[in-house]
């Protein structure tokens, strides 16, 4: 069981290197033009000019303004979320499957059981690192639509958010995230597990 947690944690840390810049671009593109009188839904009206044309253009402009440090803004928060979160994800999925199998081969777990295990493990992975995700999103969104940054660093972002909105700021959007986590991960891990079962079954048949 420990190996599942370690493997998941290492995978989470490594994927953060690629995930952090991508999420930065996604966040900035989603926020651009926010608060403006958007006209794109009105006929014969010209759409409001946006700063970023696509994710690559977004990252290039961030790089020209802040360098590599800007592109990897929020990297440590992404690692803090993805490392432990992914470790808990794979560990809890294996643990729940073993419990449902009664300590026997986890191939005995039904589809309903796999859906339950996948959903719960997805929720747990987000629950243990959710505050880090909230601060990461705010930190990466800092400066969107403006050349001026509000936060001096990750800790400053957390402190300012707490002072202004209180402890509840670290749980904003928690319920909707848990709902999405259960549904998405229930389906994903069940499909992955069944695919592995079918392919390994074919492998066994070929070896016989």
C-alpha atoms as a PDB file:
ATOM      1  CA  UNK A   1       0.000   0.000   0.000  1.00  0.00           C
ATOM      2  CA  UNK A   2       2.863   2.367   0.753  1.00  0.00           C
ATOM      3  CA  UNK A   3       4.189   1.866  -2.761  1.00  0.00           C
ATOM      4  CA  UNK A   4       0.881   3.091  -4.208  1.00  0.00           C
ATOM      5  CA  UNK A   5       1.123   6.310  -2.218  1.00  0.00           C
ATOM      6  CA  UNK A   6       4.792   6.904  -3.083  1.00  0.00           C
ATOM      7  CA  UNK A   7       4.259   6.156  -6.782  1.00  0.00           C
ATOM      8  CA  UNK A   8       1.251   8.462  -6.913  1.00  0.00           C
ATOM      9  CA  UNK A   9       3.082  11.245  -5.090  1.00  0.00           C
ATOM     10  CA  UNK A  10       6.106  11.074  -7.405  1.00  0.00           C
ATOM     11  CA  UNK A  11       3.825  11.056 -10.457  1.00  0.00           C
ATOM     12  CA  UNK A  12       1.941  14.056  -9.096  1.00  0.00           C
ATOM     13  CA  UNK A  13       5.129  16.042  -8.529  1.00  0.00           C
ATOM     14  CA  UNK A  14       6.465  15.262 -12.012  1.00  0.00           C
ATOM     15  CA  UNK A  15       3.218  16.114 -13.790  1.00  0.00           C
ATOM     16  CA  UNK A  16       3.122  19.451 -11.957  1.00  0.00           C
ATOM     17  CA  UNK A  17       6.008  20.677 -14.094  1.00  0.00           C
ATOM     18  CA  UNK A  18       3.805  20.506 -17.185  1.00  0.00           C
ATOM     19  CA  UNK A  19       0.489  21.152 -15.468  1.00  0.00           C
ATOM     20  CA  UNK A  20       1.393  24.426 -13.748  1.00  0.00           C
ATOM     21  CA  UNK A  21       2.045  26.507 -16.922  1.00  0.00           C
ATOM     22  CA  UNK A  22      -0.992  24.991 -18.622  1.00  0.00           C
ATOM     23  CA  UNK A  23      -3.275  25.877 -15.709  1.00  0.00           C
ATOM     24  CA  UNK A  24      -1.770  29.355 -15.602  1.00  0.00           C
ATOM     25  CA  UNK A  25      -2.669  29.914 -19.254  1.00  0.00           C
ATOM     26  CA  UNK A  26      -6.154  28.462 -18.720  1.00  0.00           C
ATOM     27  CA  UNK A  27      -6.783  30.721 -15.738  1.00  0.00           C
ATOM     28  CA  UNK A  28      -5.583  33.895 -17.454  1.00  0.00           C
ATOM     29  CA  UNK A  29      -7.547  33.166 -20.621  1.00  0.00           C
ATOM     30  CA  UNK A  30     -10.722  32.457 -18.688  1.00  0.00           C
ATOM     31  CA  UNK A  31     -10.413  35.718 -16.775  1.00  0.00           C
ATOM     32  CA  UNK A  32      -9.444  38.022 -19.615  1.00  0.00           C
ATOM     33  CA  UNK A  33     -12.087  40.632 -20.308  1.00  0.00           C
ATOM     34  CA  UNK A  34     -13.827  39.915 -17.017  1.00  0.00           C
ATOM     35  CA  UNK A  35     -15.905  42.852 -15.870  1.00  0.00           C
ATOM     36  CA  UNK A  36     -16.068  44.412 -19.324  1.00  0.00           C
ATOM     37  CA  UNK A  37     -19.269  44.966 -21.255  1.00  0.00           C
ATOM     38  CA  UNK A  38     -18.996  41.917 -23.458  1.00  0.00           C
ATOM     39  CA  UNK A  39     -20.867  42.168 -26.780  1.00  0.00           C
ATOM     40  CA  UNK A  40     -20.179  38.801 -28.299  1.00  0.00           C
ATOM     41  CA  UNK A  41     -23.746  37.629 -27.697  1.00  0.00           C
ATOM     42  CA  UNK A  42     -25.300  40.572 -29.487  1.00  0.00           C
ATOM     43  CA  UNK A  43     -25.904  40.412 -33.216  1.00  0.00           C
ATOM     44  CA  UNK A  44     -23.893  42.734 -35.453  1.00  0.00           C
ATOM     45  CA  UNK A  45     -21.724  43.821 -32.529  1.00  0.00           C
ATOM     46  CA  UNK A  46     -17.961  43.553 -32.603  1.00  0.00           C
ATOM     47  CA  UNK A  47     -16.499  41.229 -29.998  1.00  0.00           C
ATOM     48  CA  UNK A  48     -14.442  42.830 -27.225  1.00  0.00           C
ATOM     49  CA  UNK A  49     -10.715  42.670 -27.962  1.00  0.00           C
ATOM     50  CA  UNK A  50      -8.917  40.048 -25.882  1.00  0.00           C
ATOM     51  CA  UNK A  51      -5.276  40.101 -24.817  1.00  0.00           C
ATOM     52  CA  UNK A  52      -4.494  36.435 -25.423  1.00  0.00           C
ATOM     53  CA  UNK A  53      -5.321  34.672 -28.688  1.00  0.00           C
ATOM     54  CA  UNK A  54      -4.567  31.143 -27.489  1.00  0.00           C
ATOM     55  CA  UNK A  55      -2.697  29.333 -24.656  1.00  0.00           C
ATOM     56  CA  UNK A  56       0.668  29.554 -26.429  1.00  0.00           C
ATOM     57  CA  UNK A  57       0.247  33.263 -27.064  1.00  0.00           C
ATOM     58  CA  UNK A  58      -0.697  33.684 -23.412  1.00  0.00           C
ATOM     59  CA  UNK A  59       2.435  31.932 -22.145  1.00  0.00           C
ATOM     60  CA  UNK A  60       4.677  33.832 -24.562  1.00  0.00           C
ATOM     61  CA  UNK A  61       3.307  37.160 -23.345  1.00  0.00           C
ATOM     62  CA  UNK A  62       3.670  36.119 -19.724  1.00  0.00           C
ATOM     63  CA  UNK A  63       7.258  35.087 -20.449  1.00  0.00           C
ATOM     64  CA  UNK A  64       8.062  38.400 -22.137  1.00  0.00           C
ATOM     65  CA  UNK A  65       6.696  40.238 -19.112  1.00  0.00           C
ATOM     66  CA  UNK A  66       7.943  38.122 -16.197  1.00  0.00           C
ATOM     67  CA  UNK A  67      10.350  35.530 -17.639  1.00  0.00           C
ATOM     68  CA  UNK A  68      10.414  31.859 -16.632  1.00  0.00           C
ATOM     69  CA  UNK A  69       9.381  32.831 -13.133  1.00  0.00           C
ATOM     70  CA  UNK A  70       6.128  34.143 -14.541  1.00  0.00           C
ATOM     71  CA  UNK A  71       5.391  31.002 -16.541  1.00  0.00           C
ATOM     72  CA  UNK A  72       5.903  28.830 -13.477  1.00  0.00           C
ATOM     73  CA  UNK A  73       4.008  31.132 -11.161  1.00  0.00           C
ATOM     74  CA  UNK A  74       2.179  28.861  -8.731  1.00  0.00           C
ATOM     75  CA  UNK A  75       4.390  25.818  -9.405  1.00  0.00           C
ATOM     76  CA  UNK A  76       5.033  25.057  -5.738  1.00  0.00           C
ATOM     77  CA  UNK A  77       1.350  25.295  -4.955  1.00  0.00           C
ATOM     78  CA  UNK A  78       0.628  22.939  -7.856  1.00  0.00           C
ATOM     79  CA  UNK A  79       3.211  20.490  -6.461  1.00  0.00           C
ATOM     80  CA  UNK A  80       1.672  20.845  -2.994  1.00  0.00           C
ATOM     81  CA  UNK A  81      -1.682  19.919  -4.488  1.00  0.00           C
ATOM     82  CA  UNK A  82      -0.687  17.274  -7.006  1.00  0.00           C
ATOM     83  CA  UNK A  83       1.963  15.444  -4.950  1.00  0.00           C
ATOM     84  CA  UNK A  84      -0.019  14.481  -1.829  1.00  0.00           C
ATOM     85  CA  UNK A  85      -3.306  14.562  -3.726  1.00  0.00           C
ATOM     86  CA  UNK A  86      -2.256  12.012  -6.328  1.00  0.00           C
ATOM     87  CA  UNK A  87      -0.593   9.875  -3.650  1.00  0.00           C
ATOM     88  CA  UNK A  88      -3.821   9.755  -1.641  1.00  0.00           C
ATOM     89  CA  UNK A  89      -5.737   9.147  -4.880  1.00  0.00           C
ATOM     90  CA  UNK A  90      -4.029   5.893  -5.794  1.00  0.00           C
ATOM     91  CA  UNK A  91      -3.540   4.730  -2.201  1.00  0.00           C
ATOM     92  CA  UNK A  92      -7.205   5.191  -1.258  1.00  0.00           C
ATOM     93  CA  UNK A  93      -8.455   3.560  -4.471  1.00  0.00           C
ATOM     94  CA  UNK A  94      -6.375   0.449  -3.806  1.00  0.00           C
ATOM     95  CA  UNK A  95      -7.339   0.422  -0.114  1.00  0.00           C
ATOM     96  CA  UNK A  96     -11.079   0.699  -0.813  1.00  0.00           C
ATOM     97  CA  UNK A  97     -10.919  -1.992  -3.509  1.00  0.00           C
ATOM     98  CA  UNK A  98      -9.152  -4.354  -1.084  1.00  0.00           C
ATOM     99  CA  UNK A  99     -11.785  -3.716   1.578  1.00  0.00           C
ATOM    100  CA  UNK A 100     -14.593  -4.347  -0.904  1.00  0.00           C
ATOM    101  CA  UNK A 101     -12.839  -7.546  -2.033  1.00  0.00           C
ATOM    102  CA  UNK A 102     -12.681  -8.778   1.553  1.00  0.00           C
ATOM    103  CA  UNK A 103      -8.917  -8.998   1.494  1.00  0.00           C
ATOM    104  CA  UNK A 104      -8.982 -11.213  -1.602  1.00  0.00           C
ATOM    105  CA  UNK A 105      -8.085 -10.490  -5.228  1.00  0.00           C
ATOM    106  CA  UNK A 106      -9.402  -7.033  -6.161  1.00  0.00           C
ATOM    107  CA  UNK A 107     -10.598  -8.495  -9.478  1.00  0.00           C
ATOM    108  CA  UNK A 108     -13.583  -9.710  -7.460  1.00  0.00           C
ATOM    109  CA  UNK A 109     -14.789  -6.131  -6.941  1.00  0.00           C
ATOM    110  CA  UNK A 110     -17.962  -5.426  -8.927  1.00  0.00           C
ATOM    111  CA  UNK A 111     -18.480  -2.510 -11.278  1.00  0.00           C
ATOM    112  CA  UNK A 112     -20.599  -0.775  -8.631  1.00  0.00           C
ATOM    113  CA  UNK A 113     -17.769  -1.254  -6.163  1.00  0.00           C
ATOM    114  CA  UNK A 114     -15.242   0.188  -8.597  1.00  0.00           C
ATOM    115  CA  UNK A 115     -17.462   3.219  -9.160  1.00  0.00           C
ATOM    116  CA  UNK A 116     -17.695   3.749  -5.415  1.00  0.00           C
ATOM    117  CA  UNK A 117     -13.955   3.313  -4.878  1.00  0.00           C
ATOM    118  CA  UNK A 118     -13.092   5.641  -7.743  1.00  0.00           C
ATOM    119  CA  UNK A 119     -15.510   8.319  -6.629  1.00  0.00           C
ATOM    120  CA  UNK A 120     -14.442   8.279  -2.992  1.00  0.00           C
ATOM    121  CA  UNK A 121     -10.729   8.259  -3.842  1.00  0.00           C
ATOM    122  CA  UNK A 122     -11.257  11.246  -6.133  1.00  0.00           C
ATOM    123  CA  UNK A 123     -13.011  13.141  -3.357  1.00  0.00           C
ATOM    124  CA  UNK A 124     -10.298  12.310  -0.826  1.00  0.00           C
ATOM    125  CA  UNK A 125      -7.522  13.417  -3.184  1.00  0.00           C
ATOM    126  CA  UNK A 126      -9.130  16.835  -3.520  1.00  0.00           C
ATOM    127  CA  UNK A 127     -10.169  17.148   0.125  1.00  0.00           C
ATOM    128  CA  UNK A 128      -6.636  16.829   1.524  1.00  0.00           C
ATOM    129  CA  UNK A 129      -5.213  19.569  -0.705  1.00  0.00           C
ATOM    130  CA  UNK A 130      -8.200  21.786  -1.462  1.00  0.00           C
ATOM    131  CA  UNK A 131      -6.949  24.890   0.399  1.00  0.00           C
ATOM    132  CA  UNK A 132      -3.739  24.760  -1.667  1.00  0.00           C
ATOM    133  CA  UNK A 133      -5.814  24.672  -4.849  1.00  0.00           C
ATOM    134  CA  UNK A 134      -7.825  27.725  -3.804  1.00  0.00           C
ATOM    135  CA  UNK A 135      -4.684  29.752  -3.145  1.00  0.00           C
ATOM    136  CA  UNK A 136      -3.036  28.450  -6.334  1.00  0.00           C
ATOM    137  CA  UNK A 137      -5.964  29.627  -8.433  1.00  0.00           C
ATOM    138  CA  UNK A 138      -5.933  33.069  -6.828  1.00  0.00           C
ATOM    139  CA  UNK A 139      -2.182  33.382  -7.073  1.00  0.00           C
ATOM    140  CA  UNK A 140      -2.130  32.446 -10.750  1.00  0.00           C
ATOM    141  CA  UNK A 141      -5.069  34.753 -11.498  1.00  0.00           C
ATOM    142  CA  UNK A 142      -3.226  37.675  -9.939  1.00  0.00           C
ATOM    143  CA  UNK A 143      -2.531  40.332 -12.554  1.00  0.00           C
ATOM    144  CA  UNK A 144      -5.155  39.109 -14.997  1.00  0.00           C
ATOM    145  CA  UNK A 145      -6.319  42.103 -17.021  1.00  0.00           C
ATOM    146  CA  UNK A 146      -3.740  44.315 -15.323  1.00  0.00           C
ATOM    147  CA  UNK A 147       0.020  44.774 -15.428  1.00  0.00           C
ATOM    148  CA  UNK A 148       0.162  45.114 -11.632  1.00  0.00           C
ATOM    149  CA  UNK A 149       0.466  42.139  -9.282  1.00  0.00           C
ATOM    150  CA  UNK A 150      -1.387  42.284  -5.974  1.00  0.00           C
ATOM    151  CA  UNK A 151       0.348  39.448  -4.134  1.00  0.00           C
ATOM    152  CA  UNK A 152       4.042  39.427  -3.248  1.00  0.00           C
ATOM    153  CA  UNK A 153       4.118  35.653  -3.052  1.00  0.00           C
ATOM    154  CA  UNK A 154       2.159  32.494  -2.239  1.00  0.00           C
ATOM    155  CA  UNK A 155       2.119  33.101   1.513  1.00  0.00           C
ATOM    156  CA  UNK A 156       1.065  36.709   1.022  1.00  0.00           C
ATOM    157  CA  UNK A 157      -1.797  35.519  -1.166  1.00  0.00           C
ATOM    158  CA  UNK A 158      -2.983  33.133   1.553  1.00  0.00           C
ATOM    159  CA  UNK A 159      -2.640  35.741   4.319  1.00  0.00           C
ATOM    160  CA  UNK A 160      -4.435  38.504   2.402  1.00  0.00           C
ATOM    161  CA  UNK A 161      -7.229  36.135   1.368  1.00  0.00           C
ATOM    162  CA  UNK A 162      -7.688  35.048   4.986  1.00  0.00           C
ATOM    163  CA  UNK A 163      -7.671  38.591   6.356  1.00  0.00           C
ATOM    164  CA  UNK A 164     -10.285  39.780   3.868  1.00  0.00           C
ATOM    165  CA  UNK A 165     -12.621  36.762   3.687  1.00  0.00           C
ATOM    166  CA  UNK A 166     -11.883  34.690   6.765  1.00  0.00           C
ATOM    167  CA  UNK A 167     -11.213  30.973   7.144  1.00  0.00           C
ATOM    168  CA  UNK A 168     -14.092  30.089   4.802  1.00  0.00           C
ATOM    169  CA  UNK A 169     -12.056  31.350   1.860  1.00  0.00           C
ATOM    170  CA  UNK A 170     -10.112  28.086   1.862  1.00  0.00           C
ATOM    171  CA  UNK A 171     -13.288  26.130   1.203  1.00  0.00           C
ATOM    172  CA  UNK A 172     -14.898  28.199  -1.540  1.00  0.00           C
ATOM    173  CA  UNK A 173     -16.356  25.922  -4.219  1.00  0.00           C
ATOM    174  CA  UNK A 174     -15.696  22.812  -2.112  1.00  0.00           C
ATOM    175  CA  UNK A 175     -19.086  21.169  -2.617  1.00  0.00           C
ATOM    176  CA  UNK A 176     -19.111  21.560  -6.404  1.00  0.00           C
ATOM    177  CA  UNK A 177     -15.524  20.293  -6.582  1.00  0.00           C
ATOM    178  CA  UNK A 178     -16.391  17.213  -4.507  1.00  0.00           C
ATOM    179  CA  UNK A 179     -19.386  16.495  -6.713  1.00  0.00           C
ATOM    180  CA  UNK A 180     -17.294  16.720  -9.860  1.00  0.00           C
ATOM    181  CA  UNK A 181     -14.485  14.692  -8.275  1.00  0.00           C
ATOM    182  CA  UNK A 182     -16.801  11.803  -7.417  1.00  0.00           C
ATOM    183  CA  UNK A 183     -18.463  11.581 -10.815  1.00  0.00           C
ATOM    184  CA  UNK A 184     -15.341  12.064 -12.951  1.00  0.00           C
ATOM    185  CA  UNK A 185     -13.066   9.738 -10.993  1.00  0.00           C
ATOM    186  CA  UNK A 186     -15.724   7.071 -10.497  1.00  0.00           C
ATOM    187  CA  UNK A 187     -16.072   6.757 -14.265  1.00  0.00           C
ATOM    188  CA  UNK A 188     -12.373   7.147 -15.072  1.00  0.00           C
ATOM    189  CA  UNK A 189     -10.966   4.586 -12.634  1.00  0.00           C
ATOM    190  CA  UNK A 190     -13.734   2.091 -13.402  1.00  0.00           C
ATOM    191  CA  UNK A 191     -12.996   2.293 -17.137  1.00  0.00           C
ATOM    192  CA  UNK A 192      -9.243   1.991 -16.521  1.00  0.00           C
ATOM    193  CA  UNK A 193      -9.685  -0.996 -14.200  1.00  0.00           C
ATOM    194  CA  UNK A 194     -12.012  -2.838 -16.573  1.00  0.00           C
ATOM    195  CA  UNK A 195      -9.687  -2.166 -19.503  1.00  0.00           C
ATOM    196  CA  UNK A 196      -6.760  -3.631 -17.546  1.00  0.00           C
ATOM    197  CA  UNK A 197      -8.857  -6.638 -16.547  1.00  0.00           C
ATOM    198  CA  UNK A 198      -9.795  -7.365 -20.146  1.00  0.00           C
ATOM    199  CA  UNK A 199      -6.291  -6.891 -21.571  1.00  0.00           C
ATOM    200  CA  UNK A 200      -4.655  -8.957 -18.838  1.00  0.00           C
ATOM    201  CA  UNK A 201      -7.232 -11.665 -19.376  1.00  0.00           C
ATOM    202  CA  UNK A 202      -6.230 -11.815 -23.042  1.00  0.00           C
ATOM    203  CA  UNK A 203      -2.557 -11.950 -22.054  1.00  0.00           C
ATOM    204  CA  UNK A 204      -3.190 -14.882 -19.756  1.00  0.00           C
ATOM    205  CA  UNK A 205      -5.097 -16.719 -22.494  1.00  0.00           C
ATOM    206  CA  UNK A 206      -2.250 -16.196 -24.973  1.00  0.00           C
ATOM    207  CA  UNK A 207       0.341 -17.487 -22.527  1.00  0.00           C
ATOM    208  CA  UNK A 208      -1.674 -20.636 -21.954  1.00  0.00           C
END
